[in-house]
Amino acid sequence: MIRGLFAQGRTRVQRAMLGLLALLIVTGLVTGGAYLYLRFGGSSGWSSPVAGLRSEKVNPPLALLGLTGMSDSEVVNWALASGELDTAYAAVLFSSQLSDAEQVGNLLLLGQGYAEAGDKDQARLCYQQVNLIATLSPTLSDFAKANSYMEIGEGLAELGNREEALSNYDQAQTVAVHSPSVKDQHRADILGQLATEYEALGEKTAASECSTLHAEILYSSGESTESAEGSMEQPTAPFLMHIQEPTGAMVASYEQRRVETVLALIDFLQGAAPGTAIPHDLATEVAQALVNEDNARRTAYEDQLAAASSMVLRIGMADAQVDWLILKYRVALGGYGLRLVPAWEDDLAHVESELDAARGELLSMYNEQISTFSDDAAKDRAWYDVLRLEIQQGRLGLHPYYPEEELISQLTAVAERLIGSGDLVLHPEVLYEDDIPLFRLGTSEEPVSNP
């Protein structure tokens, strides 16, 4: 039924190539690293990622595949391979399936793609999001953070954003020097690369410092020509792990109806001449299918939350509800390139308030779960993960009315307690630029010493 997009050659070889691309998206981060240390003033403010959504440039037949059961990763791969950057951007921004490591990898590819297309503002927006995720993510390892910062710095340097590039290189240096978890070989690799990048930007003092540290690490740990492996992710609080949503028969039937109607819409779009109006009956069927599924899910979530036998299951259901409302929010914003449900677009504020309420309920459940921990340090470590996640989602635009200052205040207090107990070395710090909070990684200890 889906013609064109697949008929153009979705062979086994091409599927394998796309699978390889997905792998490279993640592992390609190993070639860089960066940080935000003394040169935080190089930033030029925060731009809303949701405001960067350009729905008029989204390719509907490709974007709509995400509503037919195709994974977000596969949609992104198809979009990138087809040069449909804004379609990939929308899929990454609103994805509830991609890990932070996958989001970072895809955003770096998008930044590079936009830069090559001459769209510097959109490229910088992608790099800005990578910086936010690297700074706040509760799942990215320090190794991944350092590599992410380095990739950002290289991308911004190519764009001519010298100060922002240096700011990210400074952050990479801070991770390399202070992280207790980065292996010596990785530490040396990052510092060696930084020496080259600083030199290229005329920062001779910083380049010399990195070269010296690089040599000291190799001397003290034994120079190695082998490339050490590093983990992109680290363990996080168990209740932050994704739980498979139990789909009831009623929801499943409405979901199947949505898939059928969207497939019919894709089939029409691929067979019609550009600019051809979508038949009224087909447009109505698609809109009604989404509205019916929304109503069914709302009822199912309420029933399942009430019947859940444990807090972990309740959190899983609340998280699934948030995921659906993010999809609904994307529809309301025109994020599939079409007006799929005009009523949602016309009452965007209501959709935002639904998502805001669901995220607030999920945060309350996290609070309730954490309150059962008997150890205060364990409570702080769990809250440290949750608060970083909530602020990250808020800054990405996926929690429309989130209480930013309240969450920042709570995060600062938790981080101070963890630092005081010796449980935390690298942590987010907040600086304000024109009353807008901006985040960087700070450190609470002296540089890591090598034996």
Protein backbone atom coordinates (compact mmCIF):
# COMPACT_ATOMS: atom_id res chain seq x y z
CA MET A 1 0.00 0.00 0.00
CA ILE A 2 2.85 2.36 0.72
CA ARG A 3 4.34 3.09 -2.67
CA GLY A 4 7.31 5.20 -3.75
CA LEU A 5 9.16 5.52 -0.47
CA PHE A 6 9.64 1.80 -0.18
CA ALA A 7 9.42 1.03 -3.90
CA GLN A 8 12.48 3.20 -4.50
CA GLY A 9 14.59 0.36 -3.21
CA ARG A 10 14.09 -0.78 0.34
CA THR A 11 16.18 -3.87 -0.30
CA ARG A 12 17.99 -5.92 2.30
CA VAL A 13 21.21 -4.16 1.40
CA GLN A 14 19.66 -0.74 1.97
CA ARG A 15 18.10 -1.87 5.22
CA ALA A 16 21.50 -3.05 6.33
CA MET A 17 23.00 0.30 5.31
CA LEU A 18 20.40 2.13 7.34
CA GLY A 19 21.11 -0.14 10.27
CA LEU A 20 24.77 0.73 9.92
CA LEU A 21 23.85 4.39 9.88
CA ALA A 22 21.97 3.95 13.14
CA LEU A 23 25.05 2.35 14.64
CA LEU A 24 27.29 5.14 13.39
CA ILE A 25 24.94 7.72 14.85
CA VAL A 26 25.78 6.45 18.32
CA THR A 27 29.34 5.21 18.02
CA GLY A 28 30.43 8.16 15.90
CA LEU A 29 30.51 10.21 19.07
CA VAL A 30 33.74 8.48 20.04
CA THR A 31 35.70 10.89 17.88
CA GLY A 32 35.14 14.02 19.99
CA GLY A 33 34.41 15.69 23.39
CA ALA A 34 33.82 19.14 25.01
CA TYR A 35 32.81 21.29 28.01
CA LEU A 36 31.69 24.75 29.21
CA TYR A 37 34.19 25.93 31.84
CA LEU A 38 35.54 29.49 32.01
CA ARG A 39 34.20 30.78 28.69
CA PHE A 40 30.48 30.47 29.41
CA GLY A 41 30.04 34.00 28.11
CA GLY A 42 30.55 32.62 24.61
CA SER A 43 26.91 31.51 24.61
CA SER A 44 24.41 33.69 22.77
CA GLY A 45 21.27 32.67 24.65
CA TRP A 46 18.76 29.85 24.48
CA SER A 47 16.45 29.18 21.54
CA SER A 48 13.38 26.99 21.95
CA PRO A 49 13.75 23.68 20.09
CA VAL A 50 9.97 23.56 19.54
CA ALA A 51 10.12 27.03 17.99
CA GLY A 52 12.72 25.58 15.62
CA LEU A 53 10.13 23.14 14.23
CA ARG A 54 9.39 24.19 10.64
CA SER A 55 6.28 22.21 9.85
CA GLU A 56 6.08 23.58 6.31
CA LYS A 57 9.37 21.82 5.52
CA VAL A 58 8.37 18.45 6.99
CA ASN A 59 7.78 15.73 4.38
CA PRO A 60 4.32 14.34 5.27
CA PRO A 61 4.53 10.87 3.65
CA LEU A 62 7.83 10.24 5.41
CA ALA A 63 6.90 11.80 8.75
CA LEU A 64 3.57 9.96 8.88
CA LEU A 65 5.35 6.61 8.86
CA GLY A 66 5.92 7.22 12.57
CA LEU A 67 2.15 6.86 13.04
CA THR A 68 2.05 3.48 11.31
CA GLY A 69 4.25 1.51 13.70
CA MET A 70 7.63 2.32 12.18
CA SER A 71 10.16 3.11 14.89
CA ASP A 72 11.40 6.67 15.41
CA SER A 73 14.93 5.46 14.72
CA GLU A 74 13.97 4.08 11.34
CA VAL A 75 12.01 7.22 10.40
CA VAL A 76 15.00 9.37 11.33
CA ASN A 77 17.33 7.15 9.32
CA TRP A 78 15.09 7.36 6.25
CA ALA A 79 14.79 11.13 6.61
CA LEU A 80 18.54 11.65 6.98
CA ALA A 81 19.29 9.33 4.07
CA SER A 82 16.76 11.25 1.94
CA GLY A 83 18.10 14.68 2.92
CA GLU A 84 14.80 15.55 4.65
CA LEU A 85 16.44 17.36 7.56
CA ASP A 86 13.35 19.04 8.99
CA THR A 87 11.47 15.73 8.95
CA ALA A 88 14.32 14.12 10.89
CA TYR A 89 14.44 17.10 13.26
CA ALA A 90 10.74 16.73 14.11
CA ALA A 91 11.09 12.97 14.64
CA VAL A 92 14.07 13.42 16.98
CA LEU A 93 12.57 16.31 18.95
CA PHE A 94 9.30 14.57 19.79
CA SER A 95 10.62 11.02 20.11
CA SER A 96 9.89 9.08 23.28
CA GLN A 97 11.79 6.05 21.94
CA LEU A 98 15.28 7.40 21.30
CA SER A 99 17.79 7.25 24.13
CA ASP A 100 19.77 10.35 25.05
CA ALA A 101 22.79 8.85 23.26
CA GLU A 102 20.71 8.34 20.11
CA GLN A 103 19.26 11.84 20.33
CA VAL A 104 22.73 13.31 20.67
CA GLY A 105 24.02 11.34 17.70
CA ASN A 106 21.10 12.29 15.48
CA LEU A 107 21.23 15.96 16.46
CA LEU A 108 24.94 16.06 15.65
CA LEU A 109 24.21 14.60 12.22
CA LEU A 110 21.43 17.15 11.76
CA GLY A 111 23.72 19.99 12.81
CA GLN A 112 26.26 18.88 10.25
CA GLY A 113 23.57 18.51 7.60
CA TYR A 114 22.11 21.96 8.22
CA ALA A 115 25.60 23.48 8.20
CA GLU A 116 26.37 21.89 4.84
CA ALA A 117 23.07 23.26 3.54
CA GLY A 118 24.03 26.77 4.68
CA ASP A 119 21.37 26.90 7.42
CA LYS A 120 23.62 28.09 10.23
CA ASP A 121 20.84 29.05 12.65
CA GLN A 122 19.23 25.63 12.51
CA ALA A 123 22.63 23.94 12.81
CA ARG A 124 23.40 25.97 15.92
CA LEU A 125 19.99 25.07 17.36
CA CYS A 126 20.85 21.39 17.00
CA TYR A 127 24.24 21.85 18.66
CA GLN A 128 22.57 23.81 21.45
CA GLN A 129 20.27 20.88 22.18
CA VAL A 130 23.20 18.46 22.25
CA ASN A 131 24.90 20.71 24.79
CA LEU A 132 21.78 20.72 26.98
CA ILE A 133 21.42 16.92 26.86
CA ALA A 134 25.12 16.39 27.54
CA THR A 135 24.95 18.70 30.54
CA LEU A 136 21.73 17.43 32.12
CA SER A 137 21.27 13.83 30.97
CA PRO A 138 21.04 11.31 33.82
CA THR A 139 21.94 8.46 31.45
CA LEU A 140 24.91 9.67 29.38
CA SER A 141 28.28 8.63 30.77
CA ASP A 142 31.02 11.20 31.33
CA PHE A 143 32.81 9.60 28.38
CA ALA A 144 29.80 10.31 26.15
CA LYS A 145 29.41 13.82 27.54
CA ALA A 146 33.02 14.68 26.76
CA ASN A 147 32.73 13.34 23.22
CA SER A 148 29.46 15.18 22.70
CA TYR A 149 30.97 18.49 23.79
CA MET A 150 33.92 17.97 21.45
CA GLU A 151 31.64 17.30 18.49
CA ILE A 152 29.66 20.45 19.32
CA GLY A 153 32.84 22.50 19.50
CA GLU A 154 34.04 21.23 16.13
CA GLY A 155 30.66 21.95 14.55
CA LEU A 156 30.44 25.46 15.97
CA ALA A 157 34.01 26.23 14.95
CA GLU A 158 33.13 25.31 11.39
CA LEU A 159 30.14 27.66 11.61
CA GLY A 160 32.44 30.48 12.72
CA ASN A 161 31.02 30.58 16.27
CA ARG A 162 34.46 30.79 17.86
CA GLU A 163 33.48 31.70 21.43
CA GLU A 164 30.78 29.05 21.67
CA ALA A 165 33.18 26.49 20.24
CA LEU A 166 35.78 27.40 22.86
CA SER A 167 33.16 27.22 25.58
CA ASN A 168 32.40 23.63 24.60
CA TYR A 169 36.08 22.72 24.30
CA ASP A 170 36.54 24.09 27.83
CA GLN A 171 33.80 21.76 29.00
CA ALA A 172 35.50 18.79 27.34
CA GLN A 173 38.69 19.69 29.15
CA THR A 174 36.87 19.84 32.48
CA VAL A 175 35.40 16.38 31.95
CA ALA A 176 38.77 14.97 30.89
CA VAL A 177 40.58 16.49 33.85
CA HIS A 178 38.02 15.99 36.62
CA SER A 179 35.83 12.97 35.81
CA PRO A 180 36.56 9.98 38.05
CA SER A 181 35.01 7.56 35.54
CA VAL A 182 36.79 8.40 32.27
CA LYS A 183 39.61 5.95 31.51
CA ASP A 184 43.16 7.28 31.22
CA GLN A 185 43.34 6.37 27.53
CA HIS A 186 40.16 8.32 26.81
CA ARG A 187 41.36 11.18 29.00
CA ALA A 188 44.59 11.36 27.01
CA ASP A 189 42.76 11.10 23.67
CA ILE A 190 40.43 13.97 24.54
CA LEU A 191 43.25 16.20 25.77
CA GLY A 192 45.31 15.44 22.68
CA GLN A 193 42.42 16.38 20.40
CA LEU A 194 41.76 19.50 22.45
CA ALA A 195 45.35 20.63 22.07
CA THR A 196 44.90 20.50 18.30
CA GLU A 197 41.55 22.32 18.34
CA TYR A 198 42.73 25.04 20.73
CA GLU A 199 45.81 25.60 18.55
CA ALA A 200 43.62 25.93 15.47
CA LEU A 201 41.61 28.67 17.19
CA GLY A 202 44.68 30.52 18.36
CA GLU A 203 44.39 29.51 22.02
CA LYS A 204 48.05 28.66 22.48
CA THR A 205 48.04 28.66 26.29
CA ALA A 206 45.10 26.24 26.48
CA ALA A 207 46.68 24.10 23.75
CA SER A 208 49.95 23.92 25.70
CA GLU A 209 48.15 22.96 28.92
CA CYS A 210 46.28 20.15 27.18
CA SER A 211 49.45 18.90 25.49
CA THR A 212 51.24 18.81 28.84
CA LEU A 213 48.40 16.92 30.54
CA HIS A 214 48.19 14.54 27.59
CA ALA A 215 51.89 13.72 27.89
CA GLU A 216 51.70 13.33 31.68
CA ILE A 217 48.81 10.84 31.45
CA LEU A 218 50.57 8.77 28.80
CA TYR A 219 53.78 8.78 30.81
CA SER A 220 52.15 7.81 34.12
CA SER A 221 49.72 5.24 32.75
CA GLY A 222 51.89 3.76 30.03
CA GLU A 223 51.49 4.90 26.44
CA SER A 224 49.07 2.73 24.51
CA THR A 225 48.35 2.55 20.81
CA GLU A 226 45.14 0.60 21.36
CA SER A 227 41.81 2.36 21.33
CA ALA A 228 40.02 1.77 24.61
CA GLU A 229 36.31 1.13 24.51
CA GLY A 230 33.96 3.39 26.42
CA SER A 231 30.33 3.16 27.44
CA MET A 232 27.90 5.74 26.07
CA GLU A 233 25.38 5.23 28.87
CA GLN A 234 25.48 4.66 32.59
CA PRO A 235 23.03 3.03 35.03
CA THR A 236 20.24 5.25 36.26
CA ALA A 237 17.40 5.02 38.77
CA PRO A 238 15.35 1.83 38.04
CA PHE A 239 12.05 3.70 38.05
CA LEU A 240 13.33 5.95 35.25
CA MET A 241 13.72 2.93 32.97
CA HIS A 242 11.06 2.58 30.28
CA ILE A 243 8.32 0.07 31.11
CA GLN A 244 6.42 -1.59 28.31
CA GLU A 245 2.92 -0.20 28.22
CA PRO A 246 0.19 -2.82 28.67
CA THR A 247 -2.18 -2.13 25.77
CA GLY A 248 -5.79 -3.12 26.34
CA ALA A 249 -7.96 -4.57 23.60
CA MET A 250 -9.96 -1.37 23.23
CA VAL A 251 -6.87 0.82 22.80
CA ALA A 252 -5.32 -1.73 20.44
CA SER A 253 -8.36 -1.61 18.15
CA TYR A 254 -8.28 2.19 17.97
CA GLU A 255 -4.54 2.12 17.41
CA GLN A 256 -5.03 -0.30 14.51
CA ARG A 257 -7.67 1.98 13.02
CA ARG A 258 -5.25 4.92 13.24
CA VAL A 259 -2.59 2.91 11.42
CA GLU A 260 -5.02 1.94 8.66
CA THR A 261 -6.22 5.49 8.05
CA VAL A 262 -2.71 6.97 8.10
CA LEU A 263 -1.52 4.31 5.64
CA ALA A 264 -4.38 5.29 3.36
CA LEU A 265 -3.35 8.95 3.68
CA ILE A 266 0.27 8.13 2.84
CA ASP A 267 -0.89 6.09 -0.13
CA PHE A 268 -2.92 9.04 -1.41
CA LEU A 269 -0.11 11.57 -0.89
CA GLN A 270 2.38 9.45 -2.78
CA GLY A 271 0.04 8.96 -5.70
CA ALA A 272 -1.24 12.54 -5.95
CA ALA A 273 0.31 15.47 -7.77
CA PRO A 274 1.95 18.12 -5.53
CA GLY A 275 -0.58 20.53 -4.10
CA THR A 276 -3.55 18.20 -4.57
CA ALA A 277 -6.09 18.65 -1.79
CA ILE A 278 -6.67 15.69 0.49
CA PRO A 279 -10.21 14.32 0.02
CA HIS A 280 -12.50 15.51 2.80
CA ASP A 281 -13.62 12.02 3.75
CA LEU A 282 -10.03 10.78 4.10
CA ALA A 283 -8.96 13.80 6.15
CA THR A 284 -11.98 13.32 8.41
CA GLU A 285 -11.23 9.62 8.87
CA VAL A 286 -7.65 10.33 9.93
CA ALA A 287 -8.68 13.08 12.34
CA GLN A 288 -11.45 10.97 13.85
CA ALA A 289 -9.16 7.98 14.25
CA LEU A 290 -6.66 10.07 16.23
CA VAL A 291 -9.39 11.66 18.37
CA ASN A 292 -10.99 8.29 19.08
CA GLU A 293 -7.63 6.79 20.08
CA ASP A 294 -6.94 9.79 22.30
CA ASN A 295 -10.25 9.30 24.10
CA ALA A 296 -9.68 5.54 24.45
CA ARG A 297 -6.19 6.06 25.84
CA ARG A 298 -7.37 8.64 28.34
CA THR A 299 -9.93 6.21 29.73
CA ALA A 300 -7.49 3.30 29.70
CA TYR A 301 -4.76 5.26 31.47
CA GLU A 302 -7.18 6.37 34.19
CA ASP A 303 -8.41 2.81 34.74
CA GLN A 304 -4.96 1.23 34.68
CA LEU A 305 -3.46 3.84 37.00
CA ALA A 306 -6.21 3.16 39.50
CA ALA A 307 -5.72 -0.61 39.26
CA ALA A 308 -1.90 -0.69 39.22
CA SER A 309 -0.51 -2.96 41.91
CA SER A 310 2.77 -1.13 42.47
CA MET A 311 4.23 2.36 42.25
CA VAL A 312 6.64 1.23 39.54
CA LEU A 313 3.71 0.15 37.35
CA ARG A 314 1.91 3.42 38.04
CA ILE A 315 5.00 5.34 37.01
CA GLY A 316 5.20 3.23 33.85
CA MET A 317 1.59 4.01 32.95
CA ALA A 318 2.01 7.72 33.71
CA ASP A 319 5.11 7.75 31.54
CA ALA A 320 3.16 6.09 28.70
CA GLN A 321 0.47 8.74 29.03
CA VAL A 322 3.10 11.47 28.70
CA ASP A 323 4.49 9.74 25.60
CA TRP A 324 1.06 9.76 23.94
CA LEU A 325 0.45 13.40 24.83
CA ILE A 326 3.81 14.35 23.31
CA LEU A 327 2.61 12.70 20.10
CA LYS A 328 -0.64 14.65 20.40
CA TYR A 329 1.35 17.83 20.97
CA ARG A 330 3.34 17.18 17.81
CA VAL A 331 0.12 16.72 15.86
CA ALA A 332 -1.25 19.98 17.28
CA LEU A 333 1.93 21.80 16.24
CA GLY A 334 1.72 20.48 12.68
CA GLY A 335 4.79 18.37 13.29
CA TYR A 336 3.81 15.79 10.65
CA GLY A 337 3.63 18.43 7.94
CA LEU A 338 -0.18 18.43 7.76
CA ARG A 339 -3.18 19.62 9.75
CA LEU A 340 -4.18 16.15 10.92
CA VAL A 341 -6.55 17.22 13.71
CA PRO A 342 -7.57 20.86 13.19
CA ALA A 343 -9.37 20.95 16.55
CA TRP A 344 -6.11 20.21 18.38
CA GLU A 345 -4.24 22.89 16.43
CA ASP A 346 -7.00 25.41 17.10
CA ASP A 347 -6.85 24.70 20.86
CA LEU A 348 -3.12 24.27 21.29
CA ALA A 349 -3.23 25.72 24.80
CA HIS A 350 -5.50 22.89 25.93
CA VAL A 351 -3.16 20.26 24.49
CA GLU A 352 -0.24 21.95 26.25
CA SER A 353 -2.14 21.99 29.55
CA GLU A 354 -2.91 18.26 29.21
CA LEU A 355 0.76 17.49 28.69
CA ASP A 356 1.75 19.79 31.53
CA ALA A 357 -0.70 18.09 33.91
CA ALA A 358 0.50 14.61 32.92
CA ARG A 359 4.14 15.53 33.49
CA GLY A 360 3.21 17.07 36.83
CA GLU A 361 1.44 13.85 37.83
CA LEU A 362 4.47 11.80 36.81
CA LEU A 363 6.76 14.03 38.87
CA SER A 364 4.45 13.55 41.87
CA MET A 365 4.73 9.79 41.46
CA TYR A 366 8.51 10.03 41.37
CA ASN A 367 8.29 12.00 44.61
CA GLU A 368 6.06 9.38 46.19
CA GLN A 369 8.38 6.55 45.11
CA ILE A 370 11.52 8.31 46.32
CA SER A 371 9.93 9.09 49.69
CA THR A 372 9.83 5.34 50.39
CA PHE A 373 13.64 5.11 50.30
CA SER A 374 15.07 4.68 53.78
CA ASP A 375 18.47 6.16 52.99
CA ASP A 376 18.73 9.96 52.60
CA ALA A 377 21.69 9.65 50.24
CA ALA A 378 19.70 7.30 48.01
CA LYS A 379 16.84 9.79 47.99
CA ASP A 380 19.19 12.57 46.91
CA ARG A 381 20.77 10.48 44.17
CA ALA A 382 17.33 9.54 42.81
CA TRP A 383 16.10 13.13 42.95
CA TYR A 384 19.28 14.25 41.22
CA ASP A 385 18.37 12.00 38.27
CA VAL A 386 14.70 13.01 38.23
CA LEU A 387 15.30 16.75 38.46
CA ARG A 388 17.87 16.74 35.68
CA LEU A 389 15.45 14.78 33.49
CA GLU A 390 12.56 17.14 34.19
CA ILE A 391 14.61 20.27 33.48
CA GLN A 392 15.99 18.69 30.31
CA GLN A 393 12.49 17.89 29.03
CA GLY A 394 11.29 21.36 29.97
CA ARG A 395 14.11 23.12 28.14
CA LEU A 396 13.53 20.94 25.07
CA GLY A 397 9.94 22.24 25.04
CA LEU A 398 8.29 18.95 25.97
CA HIS A 399 6.92 20.23 29.29
CA PRO A 400 5.28 23.49 28.17
CA TYR A 401 4.68 25.18 31.55
CA TYR A 402 7.23 23.44 33.71
CA PRO A 403 8.24 25.21 36.98
CA GLU A 404 11.78 25.98 35.86
CA GLU A 405 13.02 28.10 38.76
CA GLU A 406 11.52 25.75 41.34
CA LEU A 407 13.18 22.72 39.76
CA ILE A 408 16.51 24.55 39.40
CA SER A 409 16.40 25.51 43.07
CA GLN A 410 15.69 21.91 44.08
CA LEU A 411 18.46 20.59 41.81
CA THR A 412 20.96 23.05 43.26
CA ALA A 413 20.09 22.01 46.81
CA VAL A 414 20.33 18.28 46.03
CA ALA A 415 23.64 18.74 44.21
CA GLU A 416 25.08 20.67 47.17
CA ARG A 417 24.15 17.84 49.53
CA LEU A 418 25.69 15.21 47.25
CA ILE A 419 28.84 17.29 46.86
CA GLY A 420 29.03 17.70 50.62
CA SER A 421 28.82 13.93 51.12
CA GLY A 422 31.46 13.28 48.46
CA ASP A 423 28.97 11.55 46.12
CA LEU A 424 29.23 14.03 43.26
CA VAL A 425 32.13 15.48 41.27
CA LEU A 426 30.71 16.80 37.97
CA HIS A 427 27.33 18.50 38.22
CA PRO A 428 25.18 21.08 36.38
CA GLU A 429 25.65 24.70 37.34
CA VAL A 430 23.34 27.55 36.38
CA LEU A 431 24.34 30.97 35.10
CA TYR A 432 21.93 33.65 33.93
CA GLU A 433 22.19 35.57 30.67
CA ASP A 434 19.53 38.27 30.29
CA ASP A 435 17.55 36.54 33.07
CA ILE A 436 17.57 33.26 31.11
CA PRO A 437 19.09 30.28 32.96
CA LEU A 438 21.86 28.50 31.05
CA PHE A 439 23.51 25.29 32.16
CA ARG A 440 27.10 24.10 32.31
CA LEU A 441 28.92 21.30 34.07
CA GLY A 442 30.80 22.36 37.18
CA THR A 443 33.25 20.41 39.29
CA SER A 444 33.68 20.03 43.02
CA GLU A 445 37.14 18.45 43.13
CA GLU A 446 40.73 18.86 42.09
CA PRO A 447 41.85 17.22 38.84
CA VAL A 448 42.02 13.44 38.84
CA SER A 449 45.54 12.33 39.70
CA ASN A 450 47.22 9.52 37.84
CA PRO A 451 49.28 6.87 39.61
